[in-house]
Amino acid sequence: MIGYVVLLISFPVQMTSWLPPHEIAVNIPGFIDANTGYFQRAYRQWW
């Protein structure tokens, strides 16, 4: 944990900025897309 704090203090921008996943880098999902994906996965796990 101390190592993470040292890195966070040394490189604040690099440690706090994240790249989007490759699949959604071009098309950002909307509200309906996000809910559809969530409920399809939840339904598959239920069965």
N, C-alpha and C. Protein backbone atom coordinates (compact mmCIF):
# COMPACT_ATOMS: atom_id res chain seq x y z
N MET A 1 0.83 -1.19 0.00
CA MET A 1 0.00 0.00 0.00
C MET A 1 0.87 1.25 0.00
N ILE A 2 1.99 1.19 0.69
CA ILE A 2 2.89 2.35 0.72
C ILE A 2 3.47 2.58 -0.67
N GLY A 3 3.76 1.49 -1.39
CA GLY A 3 4.27 1.63 -2.76
C GLY A 3 3.28 2.32 -3.67
N TYR A 4 1.99 2.00 -3.52
CA TYR A 4 0.96 2.65 -4.33
C TYR A 4 0.91 4.14 -4.03
N VAL A 5 1.00 4.51 -2.77
CA VAL A 5 0.98 5.92 -2.38
C VAL A 5 2.19 6.65 -2.96
N VAL A 6 3.34 6.01 -2.93
CA VAL A 6 4.55 6.62 -3.50
C VAL A 6 4.38 6.84 -5.00
N LEU A 7 3.84 5.84 -5.70
CA LEU A 7 3.60 6.01 -7.13
C LEU A 7 2.56 7.08 -7.41
N LEU A 8 1.52 7.14 -6.60
CA LEU A 8 0.48 8.14 -6.78
C LEU A 8 1.02 9.54 -6.59
N ILE A 9 1.90 9.72 -5.63
CA ILE A 9 2.51 11.03 -5.40
C ILE A 9 3.50 11.36 -6.52
N SER A 10 4.24 10.37 -6.99
CA SER A 10 5.25 10.60 -8.02
C SER A 10 4.64 10.85 -9.40
N PHE A 11 3.59 10.11 -9.75
CA PHE A 11 2.97 10.20 -11.07
C PHE A 11 1.46 10.37 -10.93
N PRO A 12 0.98 11.54 -10.50
CA PRO A 12 -0.46 11.68 -10.23
C PRO A 12 -1.34 11.56 -11.47
N VAL A 13 -0.93 12.13 -12.59
CA VAL A 13 -1.77 12.09 -13.79
C VAL A 13 -1.82 10.68 -14.36
N GLN A 14 -0.69 10.02 -14.45
CA GLN A 14 -0.64 8.68 -15.02
C GLN A 14 -1.39 7.67 -14.16
N MET A 15 -1.41 7.87 -12.86
CA MET A 15 -2.06 6.91 -11.97
C MET A 15 -3.56 7.16 -11.81
N THR A 16 -4.05 8.32 -12.25
CA THR A 16 -5.47 8.62 -12.08
C THR A 16 -6.22 8.73 -13.39
N SER A 17 -5.57 8.57 -14.53
CA SER A 17 -6.28 8.61 -15.81
C SER A 17 -6.30 7.21 -16.39
N TRP A 18 -7.47 6.81 -16.90
CA TRP A 18 -7.65 5.47 -17.42
C TRP A 18 -8.11 5.55 -18.87
N LEU A 19 -7.62 4.65 -19.69
CA LEU A 19 -8.07 4.55 -21.07
C LEU A 19 -9.35 3.73 -21.12
N PRO A 20 -10.28 4.08 -22.00
CA PRO A 20 -11.49 3.27 -22.12
C PRO A 20 -11.16 1.92 -22.76
N PRO A 21 -11.95 0.89 -22.49
CA PRO A 21 -11.72 -0.40 -23.14
C PRO A 21 -11.81 -0.26 -24.65
N HIS A 22 -11.11 -1.12 -25.35
CA HIS A 22 -11.03 -1.03 -26.81
C HIS A 22 -12.40 -1.14 -27.48
N GLU A 23 -13.30 -1.94 -26.91
CA GLU A 23 -14.61 -2.15 -27.53
C GLU A 23 -15.46 -0.89 -27.53
N ILE A 24 -15.32 -0.05 -26.50
CA ILE A 24 -16.17 1.14 -26.43
C ILE A 24 -15.40 2.42 -26.71
N ALA A 25 -14.16 2.31 -27.19
CA ALA A 25 -13.38 3.50 -27.46
C ALA A 25 -14.00 4.32 -28.58
N VAL A 26 -14.64 3.67 -29.55
CA VAL A 26 -15.25 4.38 -30.67
C VAL A 26 -16.69 4.75 -30.36
N ASN A 27 -17.46 3.80 -29.85
CA ASN A 27 -18.88 4.01 -29.58
C ASN A 27 -19.11 3.97 -28.07
N ILE A 28 -19.46 5.09 -27.50
CA ILE A 28 -19.75 5.14 -26.07
C ILE A 28 -21.19 4.66 -25.87
N PRO A 29 -21.40 3.64 -25.03
CA PRO A 29 -22.76 3.12 -24.86
C PRO A 29 -23.66 4.11 -24.14
N GLY A 30 -24.90 4.15 -24.57
CA GLY A 30 -25.89 5.01 -23.94
C GLY A 30 -26.58 4.28 -22.79
N PHE A 31 -27.61 4.89 -22.27
CA PHE A 31 -28.35 4.33 -21.14
C PHE A 31 -28.98 2.99 -21.49
N ILE A 32 -29.62 2.92 -22.64
CA ILE A 32 -30.31 1.69 -23.04
C ILE A 32 -29.30 0.58 -23.32
N ASP A 33 -28.21 0.91 -24.00
CA ASP A 33 -27.18 -0.09 -24.28
C ASP A 33 -26.59 -0.66 -23.00
N ALA A 34 -26.31 0.19 -22.04
CA ALA A 34 -25.73 -0.27 -20.78
C ALA A 34 -26.70 -1.18 -20.03
N ASN A 35 -27.97 -0.80 -19.97
CA ASN A 35 -28.94 -1.62 -19.26
C ASN A 35 -29.19 -2.94 -19.98
N THR A 36 -29.23 -2.92 -21.31
CA THR A 36 -29.44 -4.15 -22.06
C THR A 36 -28.30 -5.13 -21.79
N GLY A 37 -27.07 -4.64 -21.84
CA GLY A 37 -25.93 -5.51 -21.56
C GLY A 37 -25.96 -6.06 -20.16
N TYR A 38 -26.32 -5.23 -19.20
CA TYR A 38 -26.36 -5.68 -17.80
C TYR A 38 -27.42 -6.76 -17.60
N PHE A 39 -28.64 -6.52 -18.09
CA PHE A 39 -29.71 -7.46 -17.85
C PHE A 39 -29.54 -8.75 -18.64
N GLN A 40 -28.92 -8.69 -19.81
CA GLN A 40 -28.66 -9.93 -20.54
C GLN A 40 -27.68 -10.81 -19.78
N ARG A 41 -26.65 -10.21 -19.20
CA ARG A 41 -25.69 -10.99 -18.42
C ARG A 41 -26.33 -11.53 -17.15
N ALA A 42 -27.15 -10.72 -16.49
CA ALA A 42 -27.79 -11.16 -15.25
C ALA A 42 -28.76 -12.30 -15.54
N TYR A 43 -29.47 -12.24 -16.66
CA TYR A 43 -30.42 -13.29 -17.01
C TYR A 43 -29.70 -14.59 -17.34
N ARG A 44 -28.56 -14.50 -18.05
CA ARG A 44 -27.80 -15.70 -18.38
C ARG A 44 -27.25 -16.37 -17.13
N GLN A 45 -26.82 -15.60 -16.16
CA GLN A 45 -26.26 -16.18 -14.94
C GLN A 45 -27.35 -16.82 -14.09
N TRP A 46 -28.57 -16.32 -14.19
CA TRP A 46 -29.67 -16.86 -13.40
C TRP A 46 -30.01 -18.27 -13.85
N TRP A 47 -29.90 -18.54 -15.15
CA TRP A 47 -30.20 -19.87 -15.67
C TRP A 47 -28.99 -20.67 -15.53
